Amino acid sequence: MDQKLSLSTHILDVNLGKPAQDVAIKLFKFVDNLWVESACQAHTDTNGRFKDFKKVDDSVAGTYKIRFETKEYFDRLGINDTLYPYIEIIFEIKSLDHYHVPLLLSAFGYSSYRGS
């Protein structure tokens, strides 16, 4: 069986205690000292998830980032006093594996870790 790379994310709004739905996200790869945007731009679903980053570079290994457009999300909720207009989580992909990059979010802070 061929092993494949998979990449997913999940955003939980810890202020509301609910998934953050319809958050715009973009995937980038660091190539030749520049961040190159992949063809993958999407929004989280009603459960705050996005599971299908299909446009991850075939060479796999490298440094990537996911950009979360948090200002747009909070503006829709009527929360205009926030600290981060967007959040970028930078991480390394080293092998064909499943990478899950969750985001725990509030108007004034965030946390991330390698999920499963």
PDB file of N, CA and C in Angstrom:
ATOM      1  N   MET A   1       0.837  -1.182   0.000  1.00  0.00           N
ATOM      2  CA  MET A   1       0.000   0.000   0.000  1.00  0.00           C
ATOM      3  C   MET A   1       0.883   1.247   0.000  1.00  0.00           C
ATOM      4  N   ASP A   2       0.621   2.177  -0.910  1.00  0.00           N
ATOM      5  CA  ASP A   2       1.389   3.409  -0.982  1.00  0.00           C
ATOM      6  C   ASP A   2       1.012   4.326   0.171  1.00  0.00           C
ATOM      7  N   GLN A   3       2.038   4.859   0.807  1.00  0.00           N
ATOM      8  CA  GLN A   3       1.805   5.822   1.867  1.00  0.00           C
ATOM      9  C   GLN A   3       1.618   7.190   1.227  1.00  0.00           C
ATOM     10  N   LYS A   4       0.685   7.978   1.748  1.00  0.00           N
ATOM     11  CA  LYS A   4       0.394   9.281   1.182  1.00  0.00           C
ATOM     12  C   LYS A   4       0.490  10.346   2.260  1.00  0.00           C
ATOM     13  N   LEU A   5       0.798  11.543   1.814  1.00  0.00           N
ATOM     14  CA  LEU A   5       0.794  12.691   2.701  1.00  0.00           C
ATOM     15  C   LEU A   5      -0.630  13.199   2.834  1.00  0.00           C
ATOM     16  N   SER A   6      -1.046  13.483   4.048  1.00  0.00           N
ATOM     17  CA  SER A   6      -2.322  14.161   4.246  1.00  0.00           C
ATOM     18  C   SER A   6      -2.117  15.271   5.266  1.00  0.00           C
ATOM     19  N   LEU A   7      -2.845  16.354   5.058  1.00  0.00           N
ATOM     20  CA  LEU A   7      -2.731  17.534   5.904  1.00  0.00           C
ATOM     21  C   LEU A   7      -4.124  18.047   6.199  1.00  0.00           C
ATOM     22  N   SER A   8      -4.390  18.321   7.474  1.00  0.00           N
ATOM     23  CA  SER A   8      -5.704  18.824   7.870  1.00  0.00           C
ATOM     24  C   SER A   8      -5.543  19.858   8.977  1.00  0.00           C
ATOM     25  N   THR A   9      -6.626  20.610   9.213  1.00  0.00           N
ATOM     26  CA  THR A   9      -6.646  21.578  10.303  1.00  0.00           C
ATOM     27  C   THR A   9      -8.036  21.598  10.930  1.00  0.00           C
ATOM     28  N   HIS A  10      -8.108  22.146  12.131  1.00  0.00           N
ATOM     29  CA  HIS A  10      -9.358  22.243  12.875  1.00  0.00           C
ATOM     30  C   HIS A  10      -9.241  23.475  13.759  1.00  0.00           C
ATOM     31  N   ILE A  11     -10.222  24.368  13.701  1.00  0.00           N
ATOM     32  CA  ILE A  11     -10.177  25.582  14.510  1.00  0.00           C
ATOM     33  C   ILE A  11     -11.302  25.542  15.535  1.00  0.00           C
ATOM     34  N   LEU A  12     -10.925  25.712  16.795  1.00  0.00           N
ATOM     35  CA  LEU A  12     -11.903  25.817  17.877  1.00  0.00           C
ATOM     36  C   LEU A  12     -11.819  27.211  18.477  1.00  0.00           C
ATOM     37  N   ASP A  13     -12.957  27.877  18.566  1.00  0.00           N
ATOM     38  CA  ASP A  13     -13.052  29.194  19.184  1.00  0.00           C
ATOM     39  C   ASP A  13     -13.276  28.974  20.675  1.00  0.00           C
ATOM     40  N   VAL A  14     -12.251  29.214  21.480  1.00  0.00           N
ATOM     41  CA  VAL A  14     -12.353  28.920  22.913  1.00  0.00           C
ATOM     42  C   VAL A  14     -13.204  29.951  23.647  1.00  0.00           C
ATOM     43  N   ASN A  15     -13.429  31.133  23.061  1.00  0.00           N
ATOM     44  CA  ASN A  15     -14.361  32.095  23.664  1.00  0.00           C
ATOM     45  C   ASN A  15     -15.787  31.573  23.614  1.00  0.00           C
ATOM     46  N   LEU A  16     -16.156  31.022  22.465  1.00  0.00           N
ATOM     47  CA  LEU A  16     -17.520  30.534  22.274  1.00  0.00           C
ATOM     48  C   LEU A  16     -17.684  29.077  22.671  1.00  0.00           C
ATOM     49  N   GLY A  17     -16.563  28.362  22.757  1.00  0.00           N
ATOM     50  CA  GLY A  17     -16.643  26.930  23.030  1.00  0.00           C
ATOM     51  C   GLY A  17     -17.212  26.156  21.856  1.00  0.00           C
ATOM     52  N   LYS A  18     -16.964  26.661  20.635  1.00  0.00           N
ATOM     53  CA  LYS A  18     -17.518  26.043  19.430  1.00  0.00           C
ATOM     54  C   LYS A  18     -16.479  26.042  18.315  1.00  0.00           C
ATOM     55  N   PRO A  19     -16.704  25.222  17.297  1.00  0.00           N
ATOM     56  CA  PRO A  19     -15.834  25.271  16.123  1.00  0.00           C
ATOM     57  C   PRO A  19     -15.947  26.630  15.429  1.00  0.00           C
ATOM     58  N   ALA A  20     -14.855  27.085  14.854  1.00  0.00           N
ATOM     59  CA  ALA A  20     -14.842  28.335  14.087  1.00  0.00           C
ATOM     60  C   ALA A  20     -15.113  27.989  12.626  1.00  0.00           C
ATOM     61  N   GLN A  21     -16.328  28.251  12.195  1.00  0.00           N
ATOM     62  CA  GLN A  21     -16.700  27.874  10.837  1.00  0.00           C
ATOM     63  C   GLN A  21     -16.498  29.024   9.856  1.00  0.00           C
ATOM     64  N   ASP A  22     -16.273  28.657   8.615  1.00  0.00           N
ATOM     65  CA  ASP A  22     -16.131  29.582   7.495  1.00  0.00           C
ATOM     66  C   ASP A  22     -14.936  30.529   7.645  1.00  0.00           C
ATOM     67  N   VAL A  23     -13.848  30.034   8.230  1.00  0.00           N
ATOM     68  CA  VAL A  23     -12.612  30.816   8.319  1.00  0.00           C
ATOM     69  C   VAL A  23     -11.790  30.553   7.056  1.00  0.00           C
ATOM     70  N   ALA A  24     -11.386  31.625   6.381  1.00  0.00           N
ATOM     71  CA  ALA A  24     -10.555  31.488   5.181  1.00  0.00           C
ATOM     72  C   ALA A  24      -9.160  31.027   5.584  1.00  0.00           C
ATOM     73  N   ILE A  25      -8.635  30.054   4.836  1.00  0.00           N
ATOM     74  CA  ILE A  25      -7.291  29.534   5.099  1.00  0.00           C
ATOM     75  C   ILE A  25      -6.534  29.418   3.779  1.00  0.00           C
ATOM     76  N   LYS A  26      -5.214  29.580   3.873  1.00  0.00           N
ATOM     77  CA  LYS A  26      -4.341  29.452   2.704  1.00  0.00           C
ATOM     78  C   LYS A  26      -3.113  28.663   3.118  1.00  0.00           C
ATOM     79  N   LEU A  27      -2.603  27.870   2.201  1.00  0.00           N
ATOM     80  CA  LEU A  27      -1.401  27.078   2.443  1.00  0.00           C
ATOM     81  C   LEU A  27      -0.246  27.645   1.621  1.00  0.00           C
ATOM     82  N   PHE A  28       0.934  27.739   2.248  1.00  0.00           N
ATOM     83  CA  PHE A  28       2.144  28.230   1.595  1.00  0.00           C
ATOM     84  C   PHE A  28       3.273  27.236   1.838  1.00  0.00           C
ATOM     85  N   LYS A  29       4.272  27.258   0.936  1.00  0.00           N
ATOM     86  CA  LYS A  29       5.500  26.486   1.138  1.00  0.00           C
ATOM     87  C   LYS A  29       6.688  27.433   0.988  1.00  0.00           C
ATOM     88  N   PHE A  30       7.700  27.233   1.832  1.00  0.00           N
ATOM     89  CA  PHE A  30       8.912  28.050   1.785  1.00  0.00           C
ATOM     90  C   PHE A  30       9.851  27.462   0.738  1.00  0.00           C
ATOM     91  N   VAL A  31      10.068  28.209  -0.356  1.00  0.00           N
ATOM     92  CA  VAL A  31      10.879  27.740  -1.480  1.00  0.00           C
ATOM     93  C   VAL A  31      11.852  28.854  -1.874  1.00  0.00           C
ATOM     94  N   ASP A  32      13.142  28.532  -1.888  1.00  0.00           N
ATOM     95  CA  ASP A  32      14.166  29.504  -2.299  1.00  0.00           C
ATOM     96  C   ASP A  32      14.032  30.832  -1.551  1.00  0.00           C
ATOM     97  N   ASN A  33      13.870  30.749  -0.242  1.00  0.00           N
ATOM     98  CA  ASN A  33      13.769  31.915   0.643  1.00  0.00           C
ATOM     99  C   ASN A  33      12.538  32.784   0.407  1.00  0.00           C
ATOM    100  N   LEU A  34      11.505  32.217  -0.196  1.00  0.00           N
ATOM    101  CA  LEU A  34      10.247  32.929  -0.416  1.00  0.00           C
ATOM    102  C   LEU A  34       9.077  32.040  -0.027  1.00  0.00           C
ATOM    103  N   TRP A  35       8.018  32.657   0.487  1.00  0.00           N
ATOM    104  CA  TRP A  35       6.780  31.921   0.736  1.00  0.00           C
ATOM    105  C   TRP A  35       5.983  31.876  -0.556  1.00  0.00           C
ATOM    106  N   VAL A  36       5.712  30.674  -1.045  1.00  0.00           N
ATOM    107  CA  VAL A  36       4.972  30.474  -2.285  1.00  0.00           C
ATOM    108  C   VAL A  36       3.586  29.946  -1.925  1.00  0.00           C
ATOM    109  N   GLU A  37       2.566  30.676  -2.363  1.00  0.00           N
ATOM    110  CA  GLU A  37       1.194  30.265  -2.066  1.00  0.00           C
ATOM    111  C   GLU A  37       0.811  29.096  -2.956  1.00  0.00           C
ATOM    112  N   SER A  38       0.253  28.063  -2.345  1.00  0.00           N
ATOM    113  CA  SER A  38      -0.204  26.915  -3.130  1.00  0.00           C
ATOM    114  C   SER A  38      -1.555  27.246  -3.741  1.00  0.00           C
ATOM    115  N   ALA A  39      -2.043  26.356  -4.549  1.00  0.00           N
ATOM    116  CA  ALA A  39      -3.361  26.551  -5.148  1.00  0.00           C
ATOM    117  C   ALA A  39      -4.471  26.295  -4.137  1.00  0.00           C
ATOM    118  N   CYS A  40      -4.098  25.911  -2.925  1.00  0.00           N
ATOM    119  CA  CYS A  40      -5.105  25.555  -1.924  1.00  0.00           C
ATOM    120  C   CYS A  40      -5.519  26.768  -1.101  1.00  0.00           C
ATOM    121  N   GLN A  41      -6.699  27.264  -1.390  1.00  0.00           N
ATOM    122  CA  GLN A  41      -7.351  28.283  -0.584  1.00  0.00           C
ATOM    123  C   GLN A  41      -8.741  27.753  -0.304  1.00  0.00           C
ATOM    124  N   ALA A  42      -9.157  27.838   0.938  1.00  0.00           N
ATOM    125  CA  ALA A  42     -10.440  27.232   1.294  1.00  0.00           C
ATOM    126  C   ALA A  42     -11.010  27.916   2.528  1.00  0.00           C
ATOM    127  N   HIS A  43     -12.117  27.376   3.013  1.00  0.00           N
ATOM    128  CA  HIS A  43     -12.748  27.826   4.254  1.00  0.00           C
ATOM    129  C   HIS A  43     -13.041  26.601   5.113  1.00  0.00           C
ATOM    130  N   THR A  44     -13.004  26.794   6.415  1.00  0.00           N
ATOM    131  CA  THR A  44     -13.360  25.692   7.305  1.00  0.00           C
ATOM    132  C   THR A  44     -14.847  25.384   7.174  1.00  0.00           C
ATOM    133  N   ASP A  45     -15.194  24.136   7.448  1.00  0.00           N
ATOM    134  CA  ASP A  45     -16.590  23.707   7.353  1.00  0.00           C
ATOM    135  C   ASP A  45     -17.350  24.060   8.639  1.00  0.00           C
ATOM    136  N   THR A  46     -18.577  23.584   8.760  1.00  0.00           N
ATOM    137  CA  THR A  46     -19.399  23.911   9.933  1.00  0.00           C
ATOM    138  C   THR A  46     -18.832  23.347  11.226  1.00  0.00           C
ATOM    139  N   ASN A  47     -17.945  22.363  11.118  1.00  0.00           N
ATOM    140  CA  ASN A  47     -17.281  21.807  12.300  1.00  0.00           C
ATOM    141  C   ASN A  47     -15.907  22.429  12.534  1.00  0.00           C
ATOM    142  N   GLY A  48     -15.591  23.501  11.803  1.00  0.00           N
ATOM    143  CA  GLY A  48     -14.311  24.181  11.960  1.00  0.00           C
ATOM    144  C   GLY A  48     -13.147  23.434  11.349  1.00  0.00           C
ATOM    145  N   ARG A  49     -13.432  22.482  10.470  1.00  0.00           N
ATOM    146  CA  ARG A  49     -12.377  21.623   9.918  1.00  0.00           C
ATOM    147  C   ARG A  49     -12.147  21.881   8.431  1.00  0.00           C
ATOM    148  N   PHE A  50     -10.923  21.604   8.020  1.00  0.00           N
ATOM    149  CA  PHE A  50     -10.595  21.481   6.604  1.00  0.00           C
ATOM    150  C   PHE A  50      -9.654  20.298   6.490  1.00  0.00           C
ATOM    151  N   LYS A  51     -10.038  19.317   5.688  1.00  0.00           N
ATOM    152  CA  LYS A  51      -9.330  18.035   5.661  1.00  0.00           C
ATOM    153  C   LYS A  51      -8.624  17.737   4.350  1.00  0.00           C
ATOM    154  N   ASP A  52      -8.698  18.614   3.383  1.00  0.00           N
ATOM    155  CA  ASP A  52      -8.322  18.199   2.041  1.00  0.00           C
ATOM    156  C   ASP A  52      -7.343  19.154   1.368  1.00  0.00           C
ATOM    157  N   PHE A  53      -6.164  19.310   1.948  1.00  0.00           N
ATOM    158  CA  PHE A  53      -5.122  20.104   1.304  1.00  0.00           C
ATOM    159  C   PHE A  53      -4.516  19.264   0.182  1.00  0.00           C
ATOM    160  N   LYS A  54      -5.137  19.255  -0.986  1.00  0.00           N
ATOM    161  CA  LYS A  54      -4.685  18.401  -2.088  1.00  0.00           C
ATOM    162  C   LYS A  54      -3.465  18.956  -2.801  1.00  0.00           C
ATOM    163  N   LYS A  55      -3.197  20.208  -2.665  1.00  0.00           N
ATOM    164  CA  LYS A  55      -2.139  20.832  -3.450  1.00  0.00           C
ATOM    165  C   LYS A  55      -0.818  20.917  -2.695  1.00  0.00           C
ATOM    166  N   VAL A  56      -0.573  20.008  -1.763  1.00  0.00           N
ATOM    167  CA  VAL A  56       0.719  19.973  -1.090  1.00  0.00           C
ATOM    168  C   VAL A  56       1.755  19.531  -2.109  1.00  0.00           C
ATOM    169  N   ASP A  57       2.879  20.205  -2.127  1.00  0.00           N
ATOM    170  CA  ASP A  57       3.944  19.956  -3.106  1.00  0.00           C
ATOM    171  C   ASP A  57       4.338  18.486  -3.139  1.00  0.00           C
ATOM    172  N   ASP A  58       4.545  17.958  -4.335  1.00  0.00           N
ATOM    173  CA  ASP A  58       4.914  16.552  -4.498  1.00  0.00           C
ATOM    174  C   ASP A  58       6.240  16.199  -3.835  1.00  0.00           C
ATOM    175  N   SER A  59       7.128  17.180  -3.691  1.00  0.00           N
ATOM    176  CA  SER A  59       8.418  16.883  -3.073  1.00  0.00           C
ATOM    177  C   SER A  59       8.281  16.683  -1.566  1.00  0.00           C
ATOM    178  N   VAL A  60       7.127  16.949  -1.016  1.00  0.00           N
ATOM    179  CA  VAL A  60       6.741  16.683   0.365  1.00  0.00           C
ATOM    180  C   VAL A  60       7.560  17.439   1.397  1.00  0.00           C
ATOM    181  N   ALA A  61       8.790  17.026   1.617  1.00  0.00           N
ATOM    182  CA  ALA A  61       9.574  17.608   2.703  1.00  0.00           C
ATOM    183  C   ALA A  61       9.726  19.108   2.507  1.00  0.00           C
ATOM    184  N   GLY A  62       9.617  19.834   3.620  1.00  0.00           N
ATOM    185  CA  GLY A  62       9.808  21.270   3.544  1.00  0.00           C
ATOM    186  C   GLY A  62       9.113  21.991   4.673  1.00  0.00           C
ATOM    187  N   THR A  63       9.233  23.298   4.632  1.00  0.00           N
ATOM    188  CA  THR A  63       8.607  24.162   5.620  1.00  0.00           C
ATOM    189  C   THR A  63       7.354  24.764   4.998  1.00  0.00           C
ATOM    190  N   TYR A  64       6.257  24.658   5.716  1.00  0.00           N
ATOM    191  CA  TYR A  64       4.958  25.125   5.252  1.00  0.00           C
ATOM    192  C   TYR A  64       4.365  26.084   6.272  1.00  0.00           C
ATOM    193  N   LYS A  65       3.356  26.830   5.831  1.00  0.00           N
ATOM    194  CA  LYS A  65       2.567  27.604   6.785  1.00  0.00           C
ATOM    195  C   LYS A  65       1.121  27.610   6.325  1.00  0.00           C
ATOM    196  N   ILE A  66       0.256  27.657   7.310  1.00  0.00           N
ATOM    197  CA  ILE A  66      -1.170  27.857   7.061  1.00  0.00           C
ATOM    198  C   ILE A  66      -1.507  29.240   7.601  1.00  0.00           C
ATOM    199  N   ARG A  67      -2.144  30.039   6.766  1.00  0.00           N
ATOM    200  CA  ARG A  67      -2.587  31.371   7.182  1.00  0.00           C
ATOM    201  C   ARG A  67      -4.092  31.313   7.425  1.00  0.00           C
ATOM    202  N   PHE A  68      -4.496  31.727   8.611  1.00  0.00           N
ATOM    203  CA  PHE A  68      -5.897  31.753   9.024  1.00  0.00           C
ATOM    204  C   PHE A  68      -6.349  33.213   9.060  1.00  0.00           C
ATOM    205  N   GLU A  69      -7.383  33.557   8.310  1.00  0.00           N
ATOM    206  CA  GLU A  69      -7.870  34.942   8.245  1.00  0.00           C
ATOM    207  C   GLU A  69      -8.841  35.196   9.404  1.00  0.00           C
ATOM    208  N   THR A  70      -8.286  35.459  10.569  1.00  0.00           N
ATOM    209  CA  THR A  70      -9.089  35.539  11.794  1.00  0.00           C
ATOM    210  C   THR A  70      -9.867  36.845  11.925  1.00  0.00           C
ATOM    211  N   LYS A  71      -9.363  37.946  11.387  1.00  0.00           N
ATOM    212  CA  LYS A  71     -10.094  39.217  11.491  1.00  0.00           C
ATOM    213  C   LYS A  71     -11.453  39.115  10.812  1.00  0.00           C
ATOM    214  N   GLU A  72     -11.471  38.536   9.615  1.00  0.00           N
ATOM    215  CA  GLU A  72     -12.742  38.362   8.902  1.00  0.00           C
ATOM    216  C   GLU A  72     -13.720  37.544   9.739  1.00  0.00           C
ATOM    217  N   TYR A  73     -13.218  36.494  10.372  1.00  0.00           N
ATOM    218  CA  TYR A  73     -14.055  35.632  11.207  1.00  0.00           C
ATOM    219  C   TYR A  73     -14.640  36.421  12.378  1.00  0.00           C
ATOM    220  N   PHE A  74     -13.785  37.126  13.123  1.00  0.00           N
ATOM    221  CA  PHE A  74     -14.270  37.878  14.282  1.00  0.00           C
ATOM    222  C   PHE A  74     -15.171  39.037  13.874  1.00  0.00           C
ATOM    223  N   ASP A  75     -14.879  39.686  12.748  1.00  0.00           N
ATOM    224  CA  ASP A  75     -15.755  40.757  12.260  1.00  0.00           C
ATOM    225  C   ASP A  75     -17.169  40.240  12.029  1.00  0.00           C
ATOM    226  N   ARG A  76     -17.292  39.047  11.447  1.00  0.00           N
ATOM    227  CA  ARG A  76     -18.619  38.458  11.215  1.00  0.00           C
ATOM    228  C   ARG A  76     -19.371  38.220  12.518  1.00  0.00           C
ATOM    229  N   LEU A  77     -18.610  37.954  13.584  1.00  0.00           N
ATOM    230  CA  LEU A  77     -19.230  37.723  14.891  1.00  0.00           C
ATOM    231  C   LEU A  77     -19.519  39.026  15.630  1.00  0.00           C
ATOM    232  N   GLY A  78     -19.119  40.148  15.052  1.00  0.00           N
ATOM    233  CA  GLY A  78     -19.311  41.439  15.709  1.00  0.00           C
ATOM    234  C   GLY A  78     -18.259  41.727  16.769  1.00  0.00           C
ATOM    235  N   ILE A  79     -17.147  40.999  16.724  1.00  0.00           N
ATOM    236  CA  ILE A  79     -16.049  41.202  17.674  1.00  0.00           C
ATOM    237  C   ILE A  79     -14.957  41.964  16.930  1.00  0.00           C
ATOM    238  N   ASN A  80     -14.914  43.283  17.147  1.00  0.00           N
ATOM    239  CA  ASN A  80     -13.972  44.121  16.408  1.00  0.00           C
ATOM    240  C   ASN A  80     -12.691  44.395  17.174  1.00  0.00           C
ATOM    241  N   ASP A  81     -12.679  44.121  18.461  1.00  0.00           N
ATOM    242  CA  ASP A  81     -11.497  44.348  19.285  1.00  0.00           C
ATOM    243  C   ASP A  81     -10.740  43.031  19.414  1.00  0.00           C
ATOM    244  N   THR A  82      -9.787  42.819  18.505  1.00  0.00           N
ATOM    245  CA  THR A  82      -8.982  41.598  18.501  1.00  0.00           C
ATOM    246  C   THR A  82      -7.511  41.973  18.354  1.00  0.00           C
ATOM    247  N   LEU A  83      -6.636  41.049  18.660  1.00  0.00           N
ATOM    248  CA  LEU A  83      -5.200  41.313  18.582  1.00  0.00           C
ATOM    249  C   LEU A  83      -4.594  40.909  17.241  1.00  0.00           C
ATOM    250  N   TYR A  84      -5.057  39.822  16.668  1.00  0.00           N
ATOM    251  CA  TYR A  84      -4.430  39.259  15.474  1.00  0.00           C
ATOM    252  C   TYR A  84      -5.347  39.389  14.256  1.00  0.00           C
ATOM    253  N   PRO A  85      -4.941  40.147  13.223  1.00  0.00           N
ATOM    254  CA  PRO A  85      -5.759  40.206  12.012  1.00  0.00           C
ATOM    255  C   PRO A  85      -5.713  38.894  11.233  1.00  0.00           C
ATOM    256  N   TYR A  86      -4.634  38.158  11.415  1.00  0.00           N
ATOM    257  CA  TYR A  86      -4.503  36.816  10.855  1.00  0.00           C
ATOM    258  C   TYR A  86      -3.486  36.068  11.699  1.00  0.00           C
ATOM    259  N   ILE A  87      -3.495  34.751  11.581  1.00  0.00           N
ATOM    260  CA  ILE A  87      -2.543  33.907  12.307  1.00  0.00           C
ATOM    261  C   ILE A  87      -1.860  33.012  11.287  1.00  0.00           C
ATOM    262  N   GLU A  88      -0.538  32.928  11.382  1.00  0.00           N
ATOM    263  CA  GLU A  88       0.221  32.034  10.520  1.00  0.00           C
ATOM    264  C   GLU A  88       0.929  31.006  11.387  1.00  0.00           C
ATOM    265  N   ILE A  89       0.673  29.753  11.100  1.00  0.00           N
ATOM    266  CA  ILE A  89       1.333  28.663  11.813  1.00  0.00           C
ATOM    267  C   ILE A  89       2.319  28.021  10.841  1.00  0.00           C
ATOM    268  N   ILE A  90       3.578  28.051  11.229  1.00  0.00           N
ATOM    269  CA  ILE A  90       4.657  27.519  10.398  1.00  0.00           C
ATOM    270  C   ILE A  90       5.078  26.170  10.969  1.00  0.00           C
ATOM    271  N   PHE A  91       5.252  25.188  10.082  1.00  0.00           N
ATOM    272  CA  PHE A  91       5.579  23.832  10.527  1.00  0.00           C
ATOM    273  C   PHE A  91       6.380  23.120   9.450  1.00  0.00           C
ATOM    274  N   GLU A  92       7.013  22.034   9.834  1.00  0.00           N
ATOM    275  CA  GLU A  92       7.807  21.240   8.896  1.00  0.00           C
ATOM    276  C   GLU A  92       7.118  19.923   8.580  1.00  0.00           C
ATOM    277  N   ILE A  93       7.155  19.572   7.316  1.00  0.00           N
ATOM    278  CA  ILE A  93       6.734  18.247   6.871  1.00  0.00           C
ATOM    279  C   ILE A  93       8.000  17.513   6.474  1.00  0.00           C
ATOM    280  N   LYS A  94       8.219  16.355   7.087  1.00  0.00           N
ATOM    281  CA  LYS A  94       9.461  15.621   6.859  1.00  0.00           C
ATOM    282  C   LYS A  94       9.269  14.303   6.125  1.00  0.00           C
ATOM    283  N   SER A  95       8.034  13.801   6.102  1.00  0.00           N
ATOM    284  CA  SER A  95       7.819  12.493   5.485  1.00  0.00           C
ATOM    285  C   SER A  95       6.365  12.344   5.057  1.00  0.00           C
ATOM    286  N   LEU A  96       6.113  11.290   4.306  1.00  0.00           N
ATOM    287  CA  LEU A  96       4.738  10.951   3.948  1.00  0.00           C
ATOM    288  C   LEU A  96       4.049  10.462   5.210  1.00  0.00           C
ATOM    289  N   ASP A  97       3.111  11.227   5.686  1.00  0.00           N
ATOM    290  CA  ASP A  97       2.452  10.934   6.955  1.00  0.00           C
ATOM    291  C   ASP A  97       1.196  11.789   7.012  1.00  0.00           C
ATOM    292  N   HIS A  98       0.440  11.643   8.091  1.00  0.00           N
ATOM    293  CA  HIS A  98      -0.694  12.533   8.314  1.00  0.00           C
ATOM    294  C   HIS A  98      -0.244  13.644   9.250  1.00  0.00           C
ATOM    295  N   TYR A  99      -0.472  14.877   8.840  1.00  0.00           N
ATOM    296  CA  TYR A  99      -0.165  16.048   9.653  1.00  0.00           C
ATOM    297  C   TYR A  99      -1.471  16.772   9.934  1.00  0.00           C
ATOM    298  N   HIS A 100      -1.771  16.947  11.223  1.00  0.00           N
ATOM    299  CA  HIS A 100      -2.964  17.673  11.634  1.00  0.00           C
ATOM    300  C   HIS A 100      -2.495  18.875  12.436  1.00  0.00           C
ATOM    301  N   VAL A 101      -2.884  20.074  11.988  1.00  0.00           N
ATOM    302  CA  VAL A 101      -2.426  21.316  12.603  1.00  0.00           C
ATOM    303  C   VAL A 101      -3.647  22.071  13.133  1.00  0.00           C
ATOM    304  N   PRO A 102      -4.065  21.777  14.375  1.00  0.00           N
ATOM    305  CA  PRO A 102      -5.229  22.450  14.941  1.00  0.00           C
ATOM    306  C   PRO A 102      -4.876  23.841  15.468  1.00  0.00           C
ATOM    307  N   LEU A 103      -5.897  24.676  15.570  1.00  0.00           N
ATOM    308  CA  LEU A 103      -5.749  26.027  16.105  1.00  0.00           C
ATOM    309  C   LEU A 103      -6.819  26.243  17.161  1.00  0.00           C
ATOM    310  N   LEU A 104      -6.386  26.563  18.377  1.00  0.00           N
ATOM    311  CA  LEU A 104      -7.291  26.979  19.449  1.00  0.00           C
ATOM    312  C   LEU A 104      -7.227  28.497  19.471  1.00  0.00           C
ATOM    313  N   LEU A 105      -8.367  29.150  19.310  1.00  0.00           N
ATOM    314  CA  LEU A 105      -8.405  30.564  18.988  1.00  0.00           C
ATOM    315  C   LEU A 105      -9.275  31.350  19.957  1.00  0.00           C
ATOM    316  N   SER A 106      -8.817  32.544  20.317  1.00  0.00           N
ATOM    317  CA  SER A 106      -9.660  33.532  20.987  1.00  0.00           C
ATOM    318  C   SER A 106      -9.312  34.888  20.385  1.00  0.00           C
ATOM    319  N   ALA A 107     -10.002  35.934  20.782  1.00  0.00           N
ATOM    320  CA  ALA A 107      -9.758  37.256  20.213  1.00  0.00           C
ATOM    321  C   ALA A 107      -8.369  37.795  20.558  1.00  0.00           C
ATOM    322  N   PHE A 108      -7.773  37.303  21.644  1.00  0.00           N
ATOM    323  CA  PHE A 108      -6.493  37.846  22.092  1.00  0.00           C
ATOM    324  C   PHE A 108      -5.400  36.804  22.274  1.00  0.00           C
ATOM    325  N   GLY A 109      -5.611  35.597  21.766  1.00  0.00           N
ATOM    326  CA  GLY A 109      -4.578  34.585  21.902  1.00  0.00           C
ATOM    327  C   GLY A 109      -4.894  33.367  21.059  1.00  0.00           C
ATOM    328  N   TYR A 110      -3.888  32.514  20.923  1.00  0.00           N
ATOM    329  CA  TYR A 110      -4.082  31.268  20.190  1.00  0.00           C
ATOM    330  C   TYR A 110      -3.023  30.264  20.600  1.00  0.00           C
ATOM    331  N   SER A 111      -3.289  29.012  20.279  1.00  0.00           N
ATOM    332  CA  SER A 111      -2.363  27.926  20.553  1.00  0.00           C
ATOM    333  C   SER A 111      -2.513  26.888  19.452  1.00  0.00           C
ATOM    334  N   SER A 112      -1.424  26.178  19.191  1.00  0.00           N
ATOM    335  CA  SER A 112      -1.451  25.111  18.205  1.00  0.00           C
ATOM    336  C   SER A 112      -0.512  24.004  18.648  1.00  0.00           C
ATOM    337  N   TYR A 113      -0.669  22.850  18.046  1.00  0.00           N
ATOM    338  CA  TYR A 113       0.154  21.685  18.365  1.00  0.00           C
ATOM    339  C   TYR A 113       0.011  20.703  17.208  1.00  0.00           C
ATOM    340  N   ARG A 114       0.817  19.662  17.192  1.00  0.00           N
ATOM    341  CA  ARG A 114       0.631  18.629  16.177  1.00  0.00           C
ATOM    342  C   ARG A 114      -0.414  17.648  16.680  1.00  0.00           C
ATOM    343  N   GLY A 115      -1.534  17.639  16.022  1.00  0.00           N
ATOM    344  CA  GLY A 115      -2.615  16.738  16.396  1.00  0.00           C
ATOM    345  C   GLY A 115      -2.450  15.384  15.740  1.00  0.00           C
ATOM    346  N   SER A 116      -3.505  14.595  15.835  1.00  0.00           N
ATOM    347  CA  SER A 116      -3.444  13.252  15.253  1.00  0.00           C
ATOM    348  C   SER A 116      -4.565  13.053  14.252  1.00  0.00           C
TER     349      SER A 116
END
